[in-house]
Amino acid sequence: AAADGALDLLLHHRAELFPQVPIIYAGVLRS
């Protein structure tokens, strides 16, 4: 997941998309 928007999508819809796939995030703001 590159940046906040992509990680936010996976946090809310991971179960519908790729429930068992490990996730690496980058470019996500600490805030």
ModelCIF file with pLDDT and N, C-alpha, C, O atoms, coordinates in Angstrom:
data_MODEL
#
_entry.id   MODEL 
#
_entity.id                         1 
_entity.type                       polymer 
_entity.pdbx_number_of_molecules   1 
#
_entity_poly.entity_id                      1 
_entity_poly.type                           'polypeptide(L)' 
_entity_poly.nstd_linkage                   no 
_entity_poly.nstd_monomer                   no 
_entity_poly.pdbx_seq_one_letter_code       AAADGALDLLLHHRAELFPQVPIIYAGVLRS 
_entity_poly.pdbx_seq_one_letter_code_can   AAADGALDLLLHHRAELFPQVPIIYAGVLRS 
_entity_poly.pdbx_strand_id                 A 
#
loop_
_entity_poly_seq.entity_id 
_entity_poly_seq.num 
_entity_poly_seq.mon_id 
_entity_poly_seq.hetero 
1 1  ALA n 
1 2  ALA n 
1 3  ALA n 
1 4  ASP n 
1 5  GLY n 
1 6  ALA n 
1 7  LEU n 
1 8  ASP n 
1 9  LEU n 
1 10 LEU n 
1 11 LEU n 
1 12 HIS n 
1 13 HIS n 
1 14 ARG n 
1 15 ALA n 
1 16 GLU n 
1 17 LEU n 
1 18 PHE n 
1 19 PRO n 
1 20 GLN n 
1 21 VAL n 
1 22 PRO n 
1 23 ILE n 
1 24 ILE n 
1 25 TYR n 
1 26 ALA n 
1 27 GLY n 
1 28 VAL n 
1 29 LEU n 
1 30 ARG n 
1 31 SER n 
#
_struct_asym.id          A 
_struct_asym.entity_id   1 
#
loop_
_ma_qa_metric.id 
_ma_qa_metric.mode 
_ma_qa_metric.name 
_ma_qa_metric.software_group_id 
_ma_qa_metric.type 
1 global pLDDT . pLDDT 
2 local  pLDDT . pLDDT 
#
_ma_qa_metric_global.metric_id      1 
_ma_qa_metric_global.metric_value   92.23 
_ma_qa_metric_global.model_id       1 
_ma_qa_metric_global.ordinal_id     1 
#
loop_
_ma_qa_metric_local.label_asym_id 
_ma_qa_metric_local.label_comp_id 
_ma_qa_metric_local.label_seq_id 
_ma_qa_metric_local.metric_id 
_ma_qa_metric_local.metric_value 
_ma_qa_metric_local.model_id 
_ma_qa_metric_local.ordinal_id 
A ALA 1  2 95.00 1 1  
A ALA 2  2 95.00 1 2  
A ALA 3  2 93.00 1 3  
A ASP 4  2 92.00 1 4  
A GLY 5  2 92.00 1 5  
A ALA 6  2 93.00 1 6  
A LEU 7  2 94.00 1 7  
A ASP 8  2 92.00 1 8  
A LEU 9  2 93.00 1 9  
A LEU 10 2 93.00 1 10 
A LEU 11 2 92.00 1 11 
A HIS 12 2 91.00 1 12 
A HIS 13 2 92.00 1 13 
A ARG 14 2 91.00 1 14 
A ALA 15 2 90.00 1 15 
A GLU 16 2 90.00 1 16 
A LEU 17 2 91.00 1 17 
A PHE 18 2 90.00 1 18 
A PRO 19 2 91.00 1 19 
A GLN 20 2 89.00 1 20 
A VAL 21 2 93.00 1 21 
A PRO 22 2 94.00 1 22 
A ILE 23 2 95.00 1 23 
A ILE 24 2 95.00 1 24 
A TYR 25 2 95.00 1 25 
A ALA 26 2 94.00 1 26 
A GLY 27 2 92.00 1 27 
A VAL 28 2 93.00 1 28 
A LEU 29 2 91.00 1 29 
A ARG 30 2 90.00 1 30 
A SER 31 2 88.00 1 31 
#
loop_
_atom_site.group_PDB 
_atom_site.id 
_atom_site.type_symbol 
_atom_site.label_atom_id 
_atom_site.label_alt_id 
_atom_site.label_comp_id 
_atom_site.label_asym_id 
_atom_site.label_entity_id 
_atom_site.label_seq_id 
_atom_site.pdbx_PDB_ins_code 
_atom_site.Cartn_x 
_atom_site.Cartn_y 
_atom_site.Cartn_z 
_atom_site.occupancy 
_atom_site.B_iso_or_equiv 
_atom_site.pdbx_formal_charge 
_atom_site.auth_seq_id 
_atom_site.auth_comp_id 
_atom_site.auth_asym_id 
_atom_site.auth_atom_id 
_atom_site.pdbx_PDB_model_num 
ATOM 1   N N  . ALA A 1 1  ? 0.846   -1.189  0.000  1.00 95.00 ? 1  ALA A N  1 
ATOM 2   C CA . ALA A 1 1  ? 0.000   0.000   0.000  1.00 95.00 ? 1  ALA A CA 1 
ATOM 3   C C  . ALA A 1 1  ? 0.882   1.239   0.000  1.00 95.00 ? 1  ALA A C  1 
ATOM 4   O O  . ALA A 1 1  ? 1.666   1.456   0.924  1.00 95.00 ? 1  ALA A O  1 
ATOM 5   N N  . ALA A 1 2  ? 0.745   2.056   -1.053 1.00 95.00 ? 2  ALA A N  1 
ATOM 6   C CA . ALA A 1 2  ? 1.561   3.259   -1.179 1.00 95.00 ? 2  ALA A CA 1 
ATOM 7   C C  . ALA A 1 2  ? 0.733   4.473   -0.813 1.00 95.00 ? 2  ALA A C  1 
ATOM 8   O O  . ALA A 1 2  ? -0.143  4.880   -1.577 1.00 95.00 ? 2  ALA A O  1 
ATOM 9   N N  . ALA A 1 3  ? 0.994   5.047   0.328  1.00 93.00 ? 3  ALA A N  1 
ATOM 10  C CA . ALA A 1 3  ? 0.374   6.268   0.839  1.00 93.00 ? 3  ALA A CA 1 
ATOM 11  C C  . ALA A 1 3  ? -0.930  5.966   1.590  1.00 93.00 ? 3  ALA A C  1 
ATOM 12  O O  . ALA A 1 3  ? -1.419  4.836   1.602  1.00 93.00 ? 3  ALA A O  1 
ATOM 13  N N  . ASP A 1 4  ? -1.469  7.013   2.214  1.00 92.00 ? 4  ASP A N  1 
ATOM 14  C CA . ASP A 1 4  ? -2.574  6.876   3.163  1.00 92.00 ? 4  ASP A CA 1 
ATOM 15  C C  . ASP A 1 4  ? -3.825  6.272   2.526  1.00 92.00 ? 4  ASP A C  1 
ATOM 16  O O  . ASP A 1 4  ? -4.442  5.377   3.105  1.00 92.00 ? 4  ASP A O  1 
ATOM 17  N N  . GLY A 1 5  ? -4.204  6.752   1.345  1.00 92.00 ? 5  GLY A N  1 
ATOM 18  C CA . GLY A 1 5  ? -5.458  6.321   0.740  1.00 92.00 ? 5  GLY A CA 1 
ATOM 19  C C  . GLY A 1 5  ? -5.495  4.833   0.475  1.00 92.00 ? 5  GLY A C  1 
ATOM 20  O O  . GLY A 1 5  ? -6.517  4.187   0.708  1.00 92.00 ? 5  GLY A O  1 
ATOM 21  N N  . ALA A 1 6  ? -4.387  4.277   -0.013 1.00 93.00 ? 6  ALA A N  1 
ATOM 22  C CA . ALA A 1 6  ? -4.347  2.847   -0.311 1.00 93.00 ? 6  ALA A CA 1 
ATOM 23  C C  . ALA A 1 6  ? -4.442  2.023   0.969  1.00 93.00 ? 6  ALA A C  1 
ATOM 24  O O  . ALA A 1 6  ? -5.148  1.016   1.010  1.00 93.00 ? 6  ALA A O  1 
ATOM 25  N N  . LEU A 1 7  ? -3.732  2.448   2.014  1.00 94.00 ? 7  LEU A N  1 
ATOM 26  C CA . LEU A 1 7  ? -3.798  1.696   3.272  1.00 94.00 ? 7  LEU A CA 1 
ATOM 27  C C  . LEU A 1 7  ? -5.190  1.805   3.884  1.00 94.00 ? 7  LEU A C  1 
ATOM 28  O O  . LEU A 1 7  ? -5.695  0.837   4.453  1.00 94.00 ? 7  LEU A O  1 
ATOM 29  N N  . ASP A 1 8  ? -5.808  2.964   3.773  1.00 92.00 ? 8  ASP A N  1 
ATOM 30  C CA . ASP A 1 8  ? -7.154  3.135   4.319  1.00 92.00 ? 8  ASP A CA 1 
ATOM 31  C C  . ASP A 1 8  ? -8.136  2.202   3.619  1.00 92.00 ? 8  ASP A C  1 
ATOM 32  O O  . ASP A 1 8  ? -8.997  1.621   4.279  1.00 92.00 ? 8  ASP A O  1 
ATOM 33  N N  . LEU A 1 9  ? -8.030  2.042   2.303  1.00 93.00 ? 9  LEU A N  1 
ATOM 34  C CA . LEU A 1 9  ? -8.901  1.135   1.569  1.00 93.00 ? 9  LEU A CA 1 
ATOM 35  C C  . LEU A 1 9  ? -8.724  -0.296  2.055  1.00 93.00 ? 9  LEU A C  1 
ATOM 36  O O  . LEU A 1 9  ? -9.706  -1.007  2.263  1.00 93.00 ? 9  LEU A O  1 
ATOM 37  N N  . LEU A 1 10 ? -7.472  -0.724  2.238  1.00 93.00 ? 10 LEU A N  1 
ATOM 38  C CA . LEU A 1 10 ? -7.228  -2.103  2.663  1.00 93.00 ? 10 LEU A CA 1 
ATOM 39  C C  . LEU A 1 10 ? -7.680  -2.335  4.097  1.00 93.00 ? 10 LEU A C  1 
ATOM 40  O O  . LEU A 1 10 ? -8.137  -3.426  4.437  1.00 93.00 ? 10 LEU A O  1 
ATOM 41  N N  . LEU A 1 11 ? -7.555  -1.321  4.933  1.00 92.00 ? 11 LEU A N  1 
ATOM 42  C CA . LEU A 1 11 ? -8.013  -1.487  6.313  1.00 92.00 ? 11 LEU A CA 1 
ATOM 43  C C  . LEU A 1 11 ? -9.518  -1.734  6.375  1.00 92.00 ? 11 LEU A C  1 
ATOM 44  O O  . LEU A 1 11 ? -9.986  -2.503  7.214  1.00 92.00 ? 11 LEU A O  1 
ATOM 45  N N  . HIS A 1 12 ? -10.273 -1.088  5.495  1.00 91.00 ? 12 HIS A N  1 
ATOM 46  C CA . HIS A 1 12 ? -11.728 -1.198  5.529  1.00 91.00 ? 12 HIS A CA 1 
ATOM 47  C C  . HIS A 1 12 ? -12.267 -2.319  4.647  1.00 91.00 ? 12 HIS A C  1 
ATOM 48  O O  . HIS A 1 12 ? -13.383 -2.779  4.887  1.00 91.00 ? 12 HIS A O  1 
ATOM 49  N N  . HIS A 1 13 ? -11.544 -2.770  3.657  1.00 92.00 ? 13 HIS A N  1 
ATOM 50  C CA . HIS A 1 13 ? -12.098 -3.736  2.701  1.00 92.00 ? 13 HIS A CA 1 
ATOM 51  C C  . HIS A 1 13 ? -11.154 -4.908  2.459  1.00 92.00 ? 13 HIS A C  1 
ATOM 52  O O  . HIS A 1 13 ? -11.238 -5.576  1.428  1.00 92.00 ? 13 HIS A O  1 
ATOM 53  N N  . ARG A 1 14 ? -10.279 -5.149  3.386  1.00 91.00 ? 14 ARG A N  1 
ATOM 54  C CA . ARG A 1 14 ? -9.338  -6.259  3.201  1.00 91.00 ? 14 ARG A CA 1 
ATOM 55  C C  . ARG A 1 14 ? -10.065 -7.604  3.108  1.00 91.00 ? 14 ARG A C  1 
ATOM 56  O O  . ARG A 1 14 ? -9.703  -8.466  2.307  1.00 91.00 ? 14 ARG A O  1 
ATOM 57  N N  . ALA A 1 15 ? -11.083 -7.763  3.931  1.00 90.00 ? 15 ALA A N  1 
ATOM 58  C CA . ALA A 1 15 ? -11.800 -9.049  3.944  1.00 90.00 ? 15 ALA A CA 1 
ATOM 59  C C  . ALA A 1 15 ? -12.465 -9.326  2.604  1.00 90.00 ? 15 ALA A C  1 
ATOM 60  O O  . ALA A 1 15 ? -12.595 -10.487 2.216  1.00 90.00 ? 15 ALA A O  1 
ATOM 61  N N  . GLU A 1 16 ? -12.891 -8.287  1.885  1.00 90.00 ? 16 GLU A N  1 
ATOM 62  C CA . GLU A 1 16 ? -13.541 -8.471  0.597  1.00 90.00 ? 16 GLU A CA 1 
ATOM 63  C C  . GLU A 1 16 ? -12.535 -8.698  -0.527 1.00 90.00 ? 16 GLU A C  1 
ATOM 64  O O  . GLU A 1 16 ? -12.869 -9.268  -1.565 1.00 90.00 ? 16 GLU A O  1 
ATOM 65  N N  . LEU A 1 17 ? -11.315 -8.250  -0.312 1.00 91.00 ? 17 LEU A N  1 
ATOM 66  C CA . LEU A 1 17 ? -10.318 -8.298  -1.383 1.00 91.00 ? 17 LEU A CA 1 
ATOM 67  C C  . LEU A 1 17 ? -9.321  -9.436  -1.186 1.00 91.00 ? 17 LEU A C  1 
ATOM 68  O O  . LEU A 1 17 ? -9.385  -10.446 -1.888 1.00 91.00 ? 17 LEU A O  1 
ATOM 69  N N  . PHE A 1 18 ? -8.410  -9.281  -0.247 1.00 90.00 ? 18 PHE A N  1 
ATOM 70  C CA . PHE A 1 18 ? -7.313  -10.236 -0.074 1.00 90.00 ? 18 PHE A CA 1 
ATOM 71  C C  . PHE A 1 18 ? -7.128  -10.515 1.420  1.00 90.00 ? 18 PHE A C  1 
ATOM 72  O O  . PHE A 1 18 ? -6.179  -10.020 2.027  1.00 90.00 ? 18 PHE A O  1 
ATOM 73  N N  . PRO A 1 19 ? -8.010  -11.289 2.005  1.00 91.00 ? 19 PRO A N  1 
ATOM 74  C CA . PRO A 1 19 ? -8.000  -11.430 3.470  1.00 91.00 ? 19 PRO A CA 1 
ATOM 75  C C  . PRO A 1 19 ? -6.745  -12.058 4.053  1.00 91.00 ? 19 PRO A C  1 
ATOM 76  O O  . PRO A 1 19 ? -6.364  -11.738 5.179  1.00 91.00 ? 19 PRO A O  1 
ATOM 77  N N  . GLN A 1 20 ? -6.089  -12.954 3.303  1.00 89.00 ? 20 GLN A N  1 
ATOM 78  C CA . GLN A 1 20 ? -4.946  -13.674 3.860  1.00 89.00 ? 20 GLN A CA 1 
ATOM 79  C C  . GLN A 1 20 ? -3.593  -13.139 3.358  1.00 89.00 ? 20 GLN A C  1 
ATOM 80  O O  . GLN A 1 20 ? -2.546  -13.662 3.740  1.00 89.00 ? 20 GLN A O  1 
ATOM 81  N N  . VAL A 1 21 ? -3.607  -12.134 2.533  1.00 93.00 ? 21 VAL A N  1 
ATOM 82  C CA . VAL A 1 21 ? -2.358  -11.632 1.929  1.00 93.00 ? 21 VAL A CA 1 
ATOM 83  C C  . VAL A 1 21 ? -1.694  -10.634 2.874  1.00 93.00 ? 21 VAL A C  1 
ATOM 84  O O  . VAL A 1 21 ? -2.345  -9.677  3.292  1.00 93.00 ? 21 VAL A O  1 
ATOM 85  N N  . PRO A 1 22 ? -0.410  -10.825 3.228  1.00 94.00 ? 22 PRO A N  1 
ATOM 86  C CA . PRO A 1 22 ? 0.295   -9.848  4.097  1.00 94.00 ? 22 PRO A CA 1 
ATOM 87  C C  . PRO A 1 22 ? 0.443   -8.500  3.393  1.00 94.00 ? 22 PRO A C  1 
ATOM 88  O O  . PRO A 1 22 ? 0.550   -8.415  2.169  1.00 94.00 ? 22 PRO A O  1 
ATOM 89  N N  . ILE A 1 23 ? 0.444   -7.472  4.201  1.00 95.00 ? 23 ILE A N  1 
ATOM 90  C CA . ILE A 1 23 ? 0.456   -6.106  3.654  1.00 95.00 ? 23 ILE A CA 1 
ATOM 91  C C  . ILE A 1 23 ? 1.687   -5.356  4.161  1.00 95.00 ? 23 ILE A C  1 
ATOM 92  O O  . ILE A 1 23 ? 1.995   -5.351  5.353  1.00 95.00 ? 23 ILE A O  1 
ATOM 93  N N  . ILE A 1 24 ? 2.379   -4.723  3.210  1.00 95.00 ? 24 ILE A N  1 
ATOM 94  C CA . ILE A 1 24 ? 3.474   -3.777  3.513  1.00 95.00 ? 24 ILE A CA 1 
ATOM 95  C C  . ILE A 1 24 ? 2.972   -2.390  3.139  1.00 95.00 ? 24 ILE A C  1 
ATOM 96  O O  . ILE A 1 24 ? 2.378   -2.212  2.075  1.00 95.00 ? 24 ILE A O  1 
ATOM 97  N N  . TYR A 1 25 ? 3.202   -1.420  3.989  1.00 95.00 ? 25 TYR A N  1 
ATOM 98  C CA . TYR A 1 25 ? 2.805   -0.059  3.629  1.00 95.00 ? 25 TYR A CA 1 
ATOM 99  C C  . TYR A 1 25 ? 4.060   0.830   3.549  1.00 95.00 ? 25 TYR A C  1 
ATOM 100 O O  . TYR A 1 25 ? 5.066   0.585   4.215  1.00 95.00 ? 25 TYR A O  1 
ATOM 101 N N  . ALA A 1 26 ? 3.959   1.857   2.718  1.00 94.00 ? 26 ALA A N  1 
ATOM 102 C CA . ALA A 1 26 ? 5.062   2.819   2.529  1.00 94.00 ? 26 ALA A CA 1 
ATOM 103 C C  . ALA A 1 26 ? 4.459   4.169   2.173  1.00 94.00 ? 26 ALA A C  1 
ATOM 104 O O  . ALA A 1 26 ? 3.390   4.252   1.568  1.00 94.00 ? 26 ALA A O  1 
ATOM 105 N N  . GLY A 1 27 ? 5.167   5.223   2.562  1.00 92.00 ? 27 GLY A N  1 
ATOM 106 C CA . GLY A 1 27 ? 4.683   6.567   2.261  1.00 92.00 ? 27 GLY A CA 1 
ATOM 107 C C  . GLY A 1 27 ? 3.449   6.941   3.051  1.00 92.00 ? 27 GLY A C  1 
ATOM 108 O O  . GLY A 1 27 ? 2.721   7.849   2.649  1.00 92.00 ? 27 GLY A O  1 
ATOM 109 N N  . VAL A 1 28 ? 3.191   6.279   4.150  1.00 93.00 ? 28 VAL A N  1 
ATOM 110 C CA . VAL A 1 28 ? 2.016   6.562   4.984  1.00 93.00 ? 28 VAL A CA 1 
ATOM 111 C C  . VAL A 1 28 ? 2.422   7.502   6.108  1.00 93.00 ? 28 VAL A C  1 
ATOM 112 O O  . VAL A 1 28 ? 3.408   7.262   6.804  1.00 93.00 ? 28 VAL A O  1 
ATOM 113 N N  . LEU A 1 29 ? 1.662   8.563   6.278  1.00 91.00 ? 29 LEU A N  1 
ATOM 114 C CA . LEU A 1 29 ? 1.994   9.559   7.293  1.00 91.00 ? 29 LEU A CA 1 
ATOM 115 C C  . LEU A 1 29 ? 1.839   8.984   8.700  1.00 91.00 ? 29 LEU A C  1 
ATOM 116 O O  . LEU A 1 29 ? 0.927   8.200   8.965  1.00 91.00 ? 29 LEU A O  1 
ATOM 117 N N  . ARG A 1 30 ? 2.717   9.372   9.574  1.00 90.00 ? 30 ARG A N  1 
ATOM 118 C CA . ARG A 1 30 ? 2.639   8.937   10.978 1.00 90.00 ? 30 ARG A CA 1 
ATOM 119 C C  . ARG A 1 30 ? 1.328   9.422   11.620 1.00 90.00 ? 30 ARG A C  1 
ATOM 120 O O  . ARG A 1 30 ? 0.734   8.730   12.447 1.00 90.00 ? 30 ARG A O  1 
ATOM 121 N N  . SER A 1 31 ? 0.901   10.604  11.226 1.00 88.00 ? 31 SER A N  1 
ATOM 122 C CA . SER A 1 31 ? -0.346  11.138  11.786 1.00 88.00 ? 31 SER A CA 1 
ATOM 123 C C  . SER A 1 31 ? -1.540  10.275  11.387 1.00 88.00 ? 31 SER A C  1 
ATOM 124 O O  . SER A 1 31 ? -2.672  10.573  11.769 1.00 88.00 ? 31 SER A O  1 
#
